[in-house]
Amino acid sequence: MNWFRRVGRREWLAAGLIALLMISAVFLFWPAGSPSGPVPPTTSATAPSTVKPSGTATAPGSTFGVPGEPVTPETMQDGLPRTLDYRALAVAAAKGIYSWDSRSSSYSDVYAKVRSWWELLPDGSNPLSVLVRELEGTGVTAGTFTALADQSARRSSIAESLRCDLELAKVQEYPAPWEGLHVCTVIVQVVDESSNGRIAYAAPVTVMVNCPPATTAPSGHCAMVAFYATAERIVY
């Protein structure tokens, strides 16, 4: 009887050891969860919190293209194309949001430019408080812009990739609430320059564009109704 008990205990101990080893193996080889947004590098105060290091590969399936009519000075309004091409509008807005020069502009000028693009919706779903929050998400505030001007800081950007609507997994899961509302995420390559040096990085911007036939859209062209630059708001 004692022998059977000893054997039983040995079998249970062996089984427990095997189970422990299997669990350890699962945790060892299980892939780490993907982050919800790019991991911010350690950069200067001018860089936003959603940046990716320059040279980071674009996600598979990302595309970049601006179809439609060429943009000419006659088709521009307040720095954005007056167009029905929501993709072209999203790209232009993303580049404009990440472009300024403190040598010739104040923070009020930067805000006024972006504010002129932000068309308020009648239901109040895109208040200007969101604009302020997201503009600050790009790494500039009214409080820091003076210091940036003392350093002759300027920012420029070019569009690297573009995904819109069903090209975005989140939009597949949660479609736009009405026809004519488009969701685009643009990755822009940004260069921040100042008397202290130069830094390059990639930053995502999600731009919401409202177009006909939406009843809330302007007649004959699209309008930006929101953008998101903070990490938790980017649509992928």
C-alpha atoms as a PDB file:
ATOM      1  CA  MET A   1       0.000   0.000   0.000  1.00  0.00           C
ATOM      2  CA  ASN A   2       2.834   2.370   0.917  1.00  0.00           C
ATOM      3  CA  TRP A   3       4.555   1.513  -2.372  1.00  0.00           C
ATOM      4  CA  PHE A   4       1.446   2.421  -4.352  1.00  0.00           C
ATOM      5  CA  ARG A   5       1.196   5.694  -2.456  1.00  0.00           C
ATOM      6  CA  ARG A   6       4.846   6.476  -3.162  1.00  0.00           C
ATOM      7  CA  VAL A   7       4.398   5.646  -6.851  1.00  0.00           C
ATOM      8  CA  GLY A   8       1.231   7.748  -6.976  1.00  0.00           C
ATOM      9  CA  ARG A   9       3.022  10.693  -5.430  1.00  0.00           C
ATOM     10  CA  ARG A  10       5.878  10.304  -7.901  1.00  0.00           C
ATOM     11  CA  GLU A  11       3.447  10.220 -10.836  1.00  0.00           C
ATOM     12  CA  TRP A  12       1.660  13.340  -9.592  1.00  0.00           C
ATOM     13  CA  LEU A  13       4.966  15.140  -9.099  1.00  0.00           C
ATOM     14  CA  ALA A  14       6.097  14.153 -12.617  1.00  0.00           C
ATOM     15  CA  ALA A  15       2.786  15.252 -14.132  1.00  0.00           C
ATOM     16  CA  GLY A  16       2.961  18.557 -12.275  1.00  0.00           C
ATOM     17  CA  LEU A  17       6.506  19.165 -13.485  1.00  0.00           C
ATOM     18  CA  ILE A  18       5.529  18.444 -17.106  1.00  0.00           C
ATOM     19  CA  ALA A  19       2.530  20.775 -16.855  1.00  0.00           C
ATOM     20  CA  LEU A  20       4.718  23.528 -15.418  1.00  0.00           C
ATOM     21  CA  LEU A  21       7.231  23.127 -18.244  1.00  0.00           C
ATOM     22  CA  MET A  22       4.455  23.276 -20.858  1.00  0.00           C
ATOM     23  CA  ILE A  23       2.984  26.456 -19.363  1.00  0.00           C
ATOM     24  CA  SER A  24       6.444  28.045 -19.256  1.00  0.00           C
ATOM     25  CA  ALA A  25       6.987  27.149 -22.923  1.00  0.00           C
ATOM     26  CA  VAL A  26       3.685  28.738 -23.936  1.00  0.00           C
ATOM     27  CA  PHE A  27       4.558  32.032 -22.242  1.00  0.00           C
ATOM     28  CA  LEU A  28       8.087  31.912 -23.624  1.00  0.00           C
ATOM     29  CA  PHE A  29       7.103  31.499 -27.265  1.00  0.00           C
ATOM     30  CA  TRP A  30       3.737  33.335 -27.316  1.00  0.00           C
ATOM     31  CA  PRO A  31       4.084  36.502 -29.468  1.00  0.00           C
ATOM     32  CA  ALA A  32       3.970  39.771 -27.588  1.00  0.00           C
ATOM     33  CA  GLY A  33       0.798  41.799 -28.071  1.00  0.00           C
ATOM     34  CA  SER A  34       1.011  44.548 -30.655  1.00  0.00           C
ATOM     35  CA  PRO A  35       0.872  48.064 -29.223  1.00  0.00           C
ATOM     36  CA  SER A  36      -2.107  50.241 -30.119  1.00  0.00           C
ATOM     37  CA  GLY A  37       0.174  52.840 -31.658  1.00  0.00           C
ATOM     38  CA  PRO A  38       3.800  53.634 -32.471  1.00  0.00           C
ATOM     39  CA  VAL A  39       6.267  53.612 -29.574  1.00  0.00           C
ATOM     40  CA  PRO A  40       7.570  57.129 -28.985  1.00  0.00           C
ATOM     41  CA  PRO A  41      11.316  57.602 -29.099  1.00  0.00           C
ATOM     42  CA  THR A  42      13.163  59.950 -26.777  1.00  0.00           C
ATOM     43  CA  THR A  43      13.232  63.198 -28.723  1.00  0.00           C
ATOM     44  CA  SER A  44      13.242  66.932 -28.234  1.00  0.00           C
ATOM     45  CA  ALA A  45      10.255  68.756 -26.791  1.00  0.00           C
ATOM     46  CA  THR A  46       9.024  69.596 -30.276  1.00  0.00           C
ATOM     47  CA  ALA A  47       8.328  65.995 -31.237  1.00  0.00           C
ATOM     48  CA  PRO A  48       4.801  64.641 -30.612  1.00  0.00           C
ATOM     49  CA  SER A  49       4.109  61.599 -28.472  1.00  0.00           C
ATOM     50  CA  THR A  50       2.924  59.477 -31.415  1.00  0.00           C
ATOM     51  CA  VAL A  51       6.126  59.531 -33.440  1.00  0.00           C
ATOM     52  CA  LYS A  52       7.915  56.539 -34.908  1.00  0.00           C
ATOM     53  CA  PRO A  53      11.681  56.601 -35.571  1.00  0.00           C
ATOM     54  CA  SER A  54      12.495  57.593 -39.127  1.00  0.00           C
ATOM     55  CA  GLY A  55      13.023  54.568 -41.340  1.00  0.00           C
ATOM     56  CA  THR A  56      10.379  52.421 -39.645  1.00  0.00           C
ATOM     57  CA  ALA A  57       8.851  50.162 -42.292  1.00  0.00           C
ATOM     58  CA  THR A  58       5.335  50.916 -43.400  1.00  0.00           C
ATOM     59  CA  ALA A  59       2.825  48.273 -42.409  1.00  0.00           C
ATOM     60  CA  PRO A  60       2.086  45.668 -45.095  1.00  0.00           C
ATOM     61  CA  GLY A  61      -0.729  46.730 -47.357  1.00  0.00           C
ATOM     62  CA  SER A  62      -0.153  50.446 -46.827  1.00  0.00           C
ATOM     63  CA  THR A  63      -0.614  52.478 -49.960  1.00  0.00           C
ATOM     64  CA  PHE A  64       0.124  56.002 -50.968  1.00  0.00           C
ATOM     65  CA  GLY A  65      -1.529  57.727 -53.846  1.00  0.00           C
ATOM     66  CA  VAL A  66      -3.466  60.890 -54.450  1.00  0.00           C
ATOM     67  CA  PRO A  67      -5.878  60.239 -57.299  1.00  0.00           C
ATOM     68  CA  GLY A  68      -7.937  62.921 -58.930  1.00  0.00           C
ATOM     69  CA  GLU A  69      -7.314  66.351 -60.351  1.00  0.00           C
ATOM     70  CA  PRO A  70      -3.937  68.054 -59.914  1.00  0.00           C
ATOM     71  CA  VAL A  71      -3.880  70.705 -57.216  1.00  0.00           C
ATOM     72  CA  THR A  72      -3.301  74.205 -58.577  1.00  0.00           C
ATOM     73  CA  PRO A  73      -3.408  77.565 -56.790  1.00  0.00           C
ATOM     74  CA  GLU A  74      -6.900  78.099 -58.215  1.00  0.00           C
ATOM     75  CA  THR A  75      -8.197  74.942 -56.504  1.00  0.00           C
ATOM     76  CA  MET A  76      -6.691  75.781 -53.101  1.00  0.00           C
ATOM     77  CA  GLN A  77      -8.615  77.370 -50.239  1.00  0.00           C
ATOM     78  CA  ASP A  78      -6.864  78.372 -46.989  1.00  0.00           C
ATOM     79  CA  GLY A  79      -4.031  75.997 -47.843  1.00  0.00           C
ATOM     80  CA  LEU A  80      -6.211  72.951 -48.573  1.00  0.00           C
ATOM     81  CA  PRO A  81      -7.431  71.720 -51.963  1.00  0.00           C
ATOM     82  CA  ARG A  82     -11.068  72.500 -52.687  1.00  0.00           C
ATOM     83  CA  THR A  83     -11.891  69.072 -54.044  1.00  0.00           C
ATOM     84  CA  LEU A  84     -14.145  66.026 -53.920  1.00  0.00           C
ATOM     85  CA  ASP A  85     -11.038  63.857 -53.656  1.00  0.00           C
ATOM     86  CA  TYR A  86     -11.082  62.992 -49.956  1.00  0.00           C
ATOM     87  CA  ARG A  87      -7.738  61.205 -50.181  1.00  0.00           C
ATOM     88  CA  ALA A  88      -6.020  64.300 -51.575  1.00  0.00           C
ATOM     89  CA  LEU A  89      -7.645  66.424 -48.884  1.00  0.00           C
ATOM     90  CA  ALA A  90      -6.534  64.062 -46.105  1.00  0.00           C
ATOM     91  CA  VAL A  91      -2.928  64.084 -47.333  1.00  0.00           C
ATOM     92  CA  ALA A  92      -2.838  67.877 -47.641  1.00  0.00           C
ATOM     93  CA  ALA A  93      -4.342  68.316 -44.173  1.00  0.00           C
ATOM     94  CA  ALA A  94      -1.903  65.885 -42.539  1.00  0.00           C
ATOM     95  CA  LYS A  95       1.071  67.622 -44.141  1.00  0.00           C
ATOM     96  CA  GLY A  96      -0.272  71.040 -43.150  1.00  0.00           C
ATOM     97  CA  ILE A  97      -0.847  69.998 -39.550  1.00  0.00           C
ATOM     98  CA  TYR A  98       2.807  68.968 -39.334  1.00  0.00           C
ATOM     99  CA  SER A  99       4.198  72.089 -41.025  1.00  0.00           C
ATOM    100  CA  TRP A 100       4.976  75.459 -39.427  1.00  0.00           C
ATOM    101  CA  ASP A 101       7.794  77.968 -39.058  1.00  0.00           C
ATOM    102  CA  SER A 102       8.189  79.902 -35.811  1.00  0.00           C
ATOM    103  CA  ARG A 103      10.417  82.436 -37.590  1.00  0.00           C
ATOM    104  CA  SER A 104       7.422  83.787 -39.493  1.00  0.00           C
ATOM    105  CA  SER A 105       4.380  82.533 -37.556  1.00  0.00           C
ATOM    106  CA  SER A 106       3.043  82.593 -34.015  1.00  0.00           C
ATOM    107  CA  TYR A 107       1.124  79.815 -32.308  1.00  0.00           C
ATOM    108  CA  SER A 108      -2.040  81.822 -33.003  1.00  0.00           C
ATOM    109  CA  ASP A 109      -1.209  81.713 -36.714  1.00  0.00           C
ATOM    110  CA  VAL A 110      -0.694  77.945 -36.598  1.00  0.00           C
ATOM    111  CA  TYR A 111      -3.956  77.457 -34.721  1.00  0.00           C
ATOM    112  CA  ALA A 112      -5.863  79.808 -37.052  1.00  0.00           C
ATOM    113  CA  LYS A 113      -4.659  77.890 -40.099  1.00  0.00           C
ATOM    114  CA  VAL A 114      -5.862  74.539 -38.777  1.00  0.00           C
ATOM    115  CA  ARG A 115      -9.044  76.089 -37.367  1.00  0.00           C
ATOM    116  CA  SER A 116      -9.946  77.368 -40.841  1.00  0.00           C
ATOM    117  CA  TRP A 117      -9.896  73.758 -42.081  1.00  0.00           C
ATOM    118  CA  TRP A 118     -11.986  72.329 -39.218  1.00  0.00           C
ATOM    119  CA  GLU A 119     -15.652  72.508 -40.216  1.00  0.00           C
ATOM    120  CA  LEU A 120     -17.950  72.219 -37.220  1.00  0.00           C
ATOM    121  CA  LEU A 121     -20.793  69.727 -37.536  1.00  0.00           C
ATOM    122  CA  PRO A 122     -24.326  70.814 -36.588  1.00  0.00           C
ATOM    123  CA  ASP A 123     -24.688  68.040 -34.003  1.00  0.00           C
ATOM    124  CA  GLY A 124     -21.739  69.399 -31.996  1.00  0.00           C
ATOM    125  CA  SER A 125     -19.796  66.133 -32.224  1.00  0.00           C
ATOM    126  CA  ASN A 126     -16.501  67.809 -33.208  1.00  0.00           C
ATOM    127  CA  PRO A 127     -16.037  70.739 -30.790  1.00  0.00           C
ATOM    128  CA  LEU A 128     -13.017  73.003 -30.994  1.00  0.00           C
ATOM    129  CA  SER A 129     -11.759  71.607 -27.694  1.00  0.00           C
ATOM    130  CA  VAL A 130     -10.894  68.440 -29.641  1.00  0.00           C
ATOM    131  CA  LEU A 131      -8.963  70.514 -32.169  1.00  0.00           C
ATOM    132  CA  VAL A 132      -6.910  72.137 -29.390  1.00  0.00           C
ATOM    133  CA  ARG A 133      -6.175  68.783 -27.748  1.00  0.00           C
ATOM    134  CA  GLU A 134      -5.113  67.117 -30.989  1.00  0.00           C
ATOM    135  CA  LEU A 135      -3.021  70.067 -32.148  1.00  0.00           C
ATOM    136  CA  GLU A 136      -1.187  69.919 -28.833  1.00  0.00           C
ATOM    137  CA  GLY A 137      -0.794  66.197 -29.537  1.00  0.00           C
ATOM    138  CA  THR A 138       1.548  67.139 -32.382  1.00  0.00           C
ATOM    139  CA  GLY A 139       3.987  68.489 -29.817  1.00  0.00           C
ATOM    140  CA  VAL A 140       3.306  72.236 -29.821  1.00  0.00           C
ATOM    141  CA  THR A 141       1.343  74.349 -27.367  1.00  0.00           C
ATOM    142  CA  ALA A 142       0.801  78.043 -26.848  1.00  0.00           C
ATOM    143  CA  GLY A 143       3.140  77.837 -23.869  1.00  0.00           C
ATOM    144  CA  THR A 144       6.037  76.142 -25.671  1.00  0.00           C
ATOM    145  CA  PHE A 145       5.834  77.971 -28.987  1.00  0.00           C
ATOM    146  CA  THR A 146       7.579  81.081 -27.646  1.00  0.00           C
ATOM    147  CA  ALA A 147      10.541  78.981 -26.562  1.00  0.00           C
ATOM    148  CA  LEU A 148      10.538  77.286 -29.956  1.00  0.00           C
ATOM    149  CA  ALA A 149      10.599  80.693 -31.652  1.00  0.00           C
ATOM    150  CA  ASP A 150      13.671  81.618 -29.610  1.00  0.00           C
ATOM    151  CA  GLN A 151      15.337  78.568 -31.193  1.00  0.00           C
ATOM    152  CA  SER A 152      14.148  79.491 -34.729  1.00  0.00           C
ATOM    153  CA  ALA A 153      12.253  76.193 -34.771  1.00  0.00           C
ATOM    154  CA  ARG A 154      10.445  75.025 -37.885  1.00  0.00           C
ATOM    155  CA  ARG A 155       8.710  71.846 -38.939  1.00  0.00           C
ATOM    156  CA  SER A 156       8.150  70.354 -42.391  1.00  0.00           C
ATOM    157  CA  SER A 157       6.635  67.094 -43.559  1.00  0.00           C
ATOM    158  CA  ILE A 158       5.932  64.888 -46.537  1.00  0.00           C
ATOM    159  CA  ALA A 159       3.335  62.139 -46.814  1.00  0.00           C
ATOM    160  CA  GLU A 160       4.699  58.609 -46.799  1.00  0.00           C
ATOM    161  CA  SER A 161       1.597  56.402 -46.824  1.00  0.00           C
ATOM    162  CA  LEU A 162      -2.169  56.650 -46.881  1.00  0.00           C
ATOM    163  CA  ARG A 163      -4.990  54.320 -45.891  1.00  0.00           C
ATOM    164  CA  CYS A 164      -8.669  55.192 -46.021  1.00  0.00           C
ATOM    165  CA  ASP A 165     -11.990  53.625 -45.029  1.00  0.00           C
ATOM    166  CA  LEU A 166     -12.025  49.842 -45.475  1.00  0.00           C
ATOM    167  CA  GLU A 167      -8.243  49.822 -45.809  1.00  0.00           C
ATOM    168  CA  LEU A 168      -8.303  50.437 -42.042  1.00  0.00           C
ATOM    169  CA  ALA A 169      -9.120  47.503 -39.771  1.00  0.00           C
ATOM    170  CA  LYS A 170     -10.995  49.671 -37.263  1.00  0.00           C
ATOM    171  CA  VAL A 171     -13.284  51.041 -39.968  1.00  0.00           C
ATOM    172  CA  GLN A 172     -14.061  47.503 -41.079  1.00  0.00           C
ATOM    173  CA  GLU A 173     -15.071  46.815 -37.495  1.00  0.00           C
ATOM    174  CA  TYR A 174     -16.850  50.133 -36.929  1.00  0.00           C
ATOM    175  CA  PRO A 175     -18.020  51.656 -40.249  1.00  0.00           C
ATOM    176  CA  ALA A 176     -18.472  55.411 -40.622  1.00  0.00           C
ATOM    177  CA  PRO A 177     -21.892  56.484 -39.283  1.00  0.00           C
ATOM    178  CA  TRP A 178     -23.063  58.094 -42.523  1.00  0.00           C
ATOM    179  CA  GLU A 179     -22.405  57.998 -46.250  1.00  0.00           C
ATOM    180  CA  GLY A 180     -19.866  60.568 -47.325  1.00  0.00           C
ATOM    181  CA  LEU A 181     -17.826  60.514 -44.109  1.00  0.00           C
ATOM    182  CA  HIS A 182     -14.340  59.165 -44.790  1.00  0.00           C
ATOM    183  CA  VAL A 183     -11.616  58.124 -42.361  1.00  0.00           C
ATOM    184  CA  CYS A 184      -8.012  58.313 -43.561  1.00  0.00           C
ATOM    185  CA  THR A 185      -4.768  57.696 -41.704  1.00  0.00           C
ATOM    186  CA  VAL A 186      -1.686  59.317 -43.172  1.00  0.00           C
ATOM    187  CA  ILE A 187       1.879  58.579 -42.097  1.00  0.00           C
ATOM    188  CA  VAL A 188       3.969  61.707 -42.540  1.00  0.00           C
ATOM    189  CA  GLN A 189       7.742  61.941 -42.443  1.00  0.00           C
ATOM    190  CA  VAL A 190       8.467  64.972 -40.284  1.00  0.00           C
ATOM    191  CA  VAL A 191      11.614  67.036 -39.908  1.00  0.00           C
ATOM    192  CA  ASP A 192      11.988  69.343 -36.886  1.00  0.00           C
ATOM    193  CA  GLU A 193      14.811  71.866 -37.186  1.00  0.00           C
ATOM    194  CA  SER A 194      16.053  74.530 -34.800  1.00  0.00           C
ATOM    195  CA  SER A 195      19.246  76.212 -33.670  1.00  0.00           C
ATOM    196  CA  ASN A 196      19.722  73.176 -31.423  1.00  0.00           C
ATOM    197  CA  GLY A 197      19.775  70.653 -34.262  1.00  0.00           C
ATOM    198  CA  ARG A 198      17.605  68.535 -36.491  1.00  0.00           C
ATOM    199  CA  ILE A 199      15.445  65.470 -35.856  1.00  0.00           C
ATOM    200  CA  ALA A 200      13.465  63.331 -38.307  1.00  0.00           C
ATOM    201  CA  TYR A 201      10.660  60.929 -37.439  1.00  0.00           C
ATOM    202  CA  ALA A 202       7.428  59.439 -38.749  1.00  0.00           C
ATOM    203  CA  ALA A 203       4.069  60.439 -37.277  1.00  0.00           C
ATOM    204  CA  PRO A 204       0.539  59.150 -37.960  1.00  0.00           C
ATOM    205  CA  VAL A 205      -2.443  61.464 -38.412  1.00  0.00           C
ATOM    206  CA  THR A 206      -6.041  60.312 -38.758  1.00  0.00           C
ATOM    207  CA  VAL A 207      -8.119  62.784 -40.775  1.00  0.00           C
ATOM    208  CA  MET A 208     -11.928  62.733 -40.920  1.00  0.00           C
ATOM    209  CA  VAL A 209     -13.266  64.088 -44.215  1.00  0.00           C
ATOM    210  CA  ASN A 210     -16.931  64.861 -44.905  1.00  0.00           C
ATOM    211  CA  CYS A 211     -18.046  64.804 -48.545  1.00  0.00           C
ATOM    212  CA  PRO A 212     -21.266  64.850 -50.579  1.00  0.00           C
ATOM    213  CA  PRO A 213     -23.750  63.170 -50.549  1.00  0.00           C
ATOM    214  CA  ALA A 214     -23.647  63.762 -46.779  1.00  0.00           C
ATOM    215  CA  THR A 215     -26.237  66.402 -45.931  1.00  0.00           C
ATOM    216  CA  THR A 216     -23.754  68.017 -43.533  1.00  0.00           C
ATOM    217  CA  ALA A 217     -21.051  68.332 -46.217  1.00  0.00           C
ATOM    218  CA  PRO A 218     -20.450  71.505 -48.216  1.00  0.00           C
ATOM    219  CA  SER A 219     -21.800  71.607 -51.750  1.00  0.00           C
ATOM    220  CA  GLY A 220     -19.356  70.547 -54.436  1.00  0.00           C
ATOM    221  CA  HIS A 221     -16.344  69.706 -52.282  1.00  0.00           C
ATOM    222  CA  CYS A 222     -15.180  67.878 -49.162  1.00  0.00           C
ATOM    223  CA  ALA A 223     -14.220  69.341 -45.805  1.00  0.00           C
ATOM    224  CA  MET A 224     -12.090  68.224 -42.888  1.00  0.00           C
ATOM    225  CA  VAL A 225     -14.269  67.759 -39.817  1.00  0.00           C
ATOM    226  CA  ALA A 226     -11.627  66.378 -37.443  1.00  0.00           C
ATOM    227  CA  PHE A 227      -8.113  65.070 -37.139  1.00  0.00           C
ATOM    228  CA  TYR A 228      -6.410  62.960 -34.501  1.00  0.00           C
ATOM    229  CA  ALA A 229      -2.724  63.004 -33.607  1.00  0.00           C
ATOM    230  CA  THR A 230      -2.740  61.562 -30.082  1.00  0.00           C
ATOM    231  CA  ALA A 231      -1.730  57.905 -29.930  1.00  0.00           C
ATOM    232  CA  GLU A 232      -4.978  56.591 -28.452  1.00  0.00           C
ATOM    233  CA  ARG A 233      -7.067  58.255 -31.193  1.00  0.00           C
ATOM    234  CA  ILE A 234      -5.198  57.085 -34.289  1.00  0.00           C
ATOM    235  CA  VAL A 235      -7.265  54.707 -36.441  1.00  0.00           C
ATOM    236  CA  TYR A 236      -5.369  51.717 -37.867  1.00  0.00           C
END
